[in-house]
Amino acid sequence: MNPQLIWAFILFSIMGVFGDIALKMAGAKADTHWTWLIVGILSHVTTGLGWFYLLRRERLSTIGPMLTITNTVLIIVFGLLLFQEKISSREALAIVFAVASLTLLIKW
């Protein structure tokens, strides 16, 4: 995968996770926070267009796992930092293996 596609991948991954965070913020209280809901939806629409761009240039069998692993790791990190969520040692080990597999996907 060329460096330009990797940077586009990183950008769209971050946008997707931002959309997830916005949706979490929208539903964090008893009443829906509509601004966060709209931001989350727009972020996911933009991310979808970005994935369309990436899928036209790279194989689904490469981009799909990369998307899943990257989003999982980023969501966990932001969950820890922003929402003070906790993870077990078993989950931490799974993250290490996920990052290792992502490294293998990018290198080959």
Protein backbone atom coordinates (compact mmCIF):
# COMPACT_ATOMS: atom_id res chain seq x y z
CA MET A 1 0.00 0.00 0.00
CA ASN A 2 1.47 3.35 -0.95
CA PRO A 3 2.03 6.10 1.65
CA GLN A 4 -0.73 8.34 0.27
CA LEU A 5 -3.30 5.58 0.78
CA ILE A 6 -2.00 4.93 4.29
CA TRP A 7 -2.48 8.60 5.22
CA ALA A 8 -5.97 8.59 3.69
CA PHE A 9 -6.72 5.42 5.65
CA ILE A 10 -5.55 7.03 8.91
CA LEU A 11 -7.62 10.16 8.24
CA PHE A 12 -10.81 8.23 7.49
CA SER A 13 -10.26 5.95 10.48
CA ILE A 14 -9.98 8.93 12.80
CA MET A 15 -13.08 10.50 11.24
CA GLY A 16 -15.03 7.28 11.80
CA VAL A 17 -13.94 7.06 15.42
CA PHE A 18 -14.83 10.74 15.88
CA GLY A 19 -18.29 9.86 14.58
CA ASP A 20 -18.54 7.04 17.12
CA ILE A 21 -17.50 9.40 19.92
CA ALA A 22 -20.07 11.97 18.78
CA LEU A 23 -22.80 9.31 18.81
CA LYS A 24 -21.71 8.24 22.31
CA MET A 25 -21.91 11.89 23.44
CA ALA A 26 -25.35 12.22 21.84
CA GLY A 27 -26.71 9.32 23.84
CA ALA A 28 -24.75 9.85 27.07
CA LYS A 29 -27.65 11.49 28.90
CA ALA A 30 -31.33 10.70 29.26
CA ASP A 31 -32.28 13.25 26.60
CA THR A 32 -30.66 13.07 23.17
CA HIS A 33 -28.10 15.74 22.43
CA TRP A 34 -29.11 16.47 18.84
CA THR A 35 -26.01 18.45 17.85
CA TRP A 36 -23.73 15.50 18.68
CA LEU A 37 -26.11 13.15 16.89
CA ILE A 38 -25.98 15.21 13.68
CA VAL A 39 -22.17 15.54 13.93
CA GLY A 40 -21.88 11.77 14.37
CA ILE A 41 -24.11 11.02 11.39
CA LEU A 42 -22.28 13.50 9.13
CA SER A 43 -18.94 12.11 10.22
CA HIS A 44 -20.02 8.59 9.30
CA VAL A 45 -21.36 9.72 5.91
CA THR A 46 -18.03 11.41 5.16
CA THR A 47 -16.16 8.34 6.35
CA GLY A 48 -18.26 6.15 4.05
CA LEU A 49 -17.26 8.28 1.08
CA GLY A 50 -13.65 7.99 2.18
CA TRP A 51 -13.88 4.20 2.31
CA PHE A 52 -15.33 4.27 -1.19
CA TYR A 53 -12.22 6.17 -2.31
CA LEU A 54 -9.91 3.66 -0.59
CA LEU A 55 -11.75 0.58 -1.84
CA ARG A 56 -11.41 1.77 -5.43
CA ARG A 57 -7.63 1.71 -4.98
CA GLU A 58 -6.99 -1.24 -2.68
CA ARG A 59 -8.28 -4.78 -2.13
CA LEU A 60 -11.19 -5.33 0.25
CA SER A 61 -9.29 -8.21 1.86
CA THR A 62 -6.60 -5.70 2.89
CA ILE A 63 -8.67 -2.63 3.74
CA GLY A 64 -11.45 -4.49 5.61
CA PRO A 65 -9.28 -6.03 8.34
CA MET A 66 -7.23 -2.85 8.60
CA LEU A 67 -10.41 -0.85 9.15
CA THR A 68 -11.71 -3.24 11.79
CA ILE A 69 -8.47 -3.43 13.75
CA THR A 70 -7.66 0.28 13.55
CA ASN A 71 -11.14 1.37 14.60
CA THR A 72 -11.21 -1.15 17.46
CA VAL A 73 -7.88 0.06 18.84
CA LEU A 74 -8.76 3.75 18.44
CA ILE A 75 -12.18 3.33 20.03
CA ILE A 76 -10.63 1.54 23.00
CA VAL A 77 -7.98 4.25 23.42
CA PHE A 78 -10.55 7.05 23.27
CA GLY A 79 -12.89 5.13 25.55
CA LEU A 80 -10.09 4.94 28.11
CA LEU A 81 -9.12 8.59 27.76
CA LEU A 82 -12.47 10.33 27.31
CA PHE A 83 -14.94 8.13 29.13
CA GLN A 84 -12.64 6.57 31.78
CA GLU A 85 -13.58 3.06 30.64
CA LYS A 86 -11.48 0.16 31.91
CA ILE A 87 -10.02 -2.82 30.03
CA SER A 88 -8.82 -6.14 31.37
CA SER A 89 -5.34 -7.55 30.87
CA ARG A 90 -6.84 -10.05 28.43
CA GLU A 91 -8.29 -7.20 26.34
CA ALA A 92 -4.94 -5.39 26.45
CA LEU A 93 -3.22 -8.52 25.12
CA ALA A 94 -5.81 -8.74 22.34
CA ILE A 95 -4.97 -5.14 21.38
CA VAL A 96 -1.28 -6.06 21.15
CA PHE A 97 -2.10 -8.95 18.81
CA ALA A 98 -4.41 -6.71 16.75
CA VAL A 99 -1.67 -4.13 16.27
CA ALA A 100 0.79 -6.89 15.33
CA SER A 101 -1.61 -8.22 12.69
CA LEU A 102 -2.20 -4.70 11.36
CA THR A 103 1.56 -4.28 11.00
CA LEU A 104 1.75 -7.50 9.00
CA LEU A 105 -1.10 -6.39 6.73
CA ILE A 106 0.57 -3.07 5.97
CA LYS A 107 4.03 -4.56 5.36
CA TRP A 108 2.84 -7.24 2.92
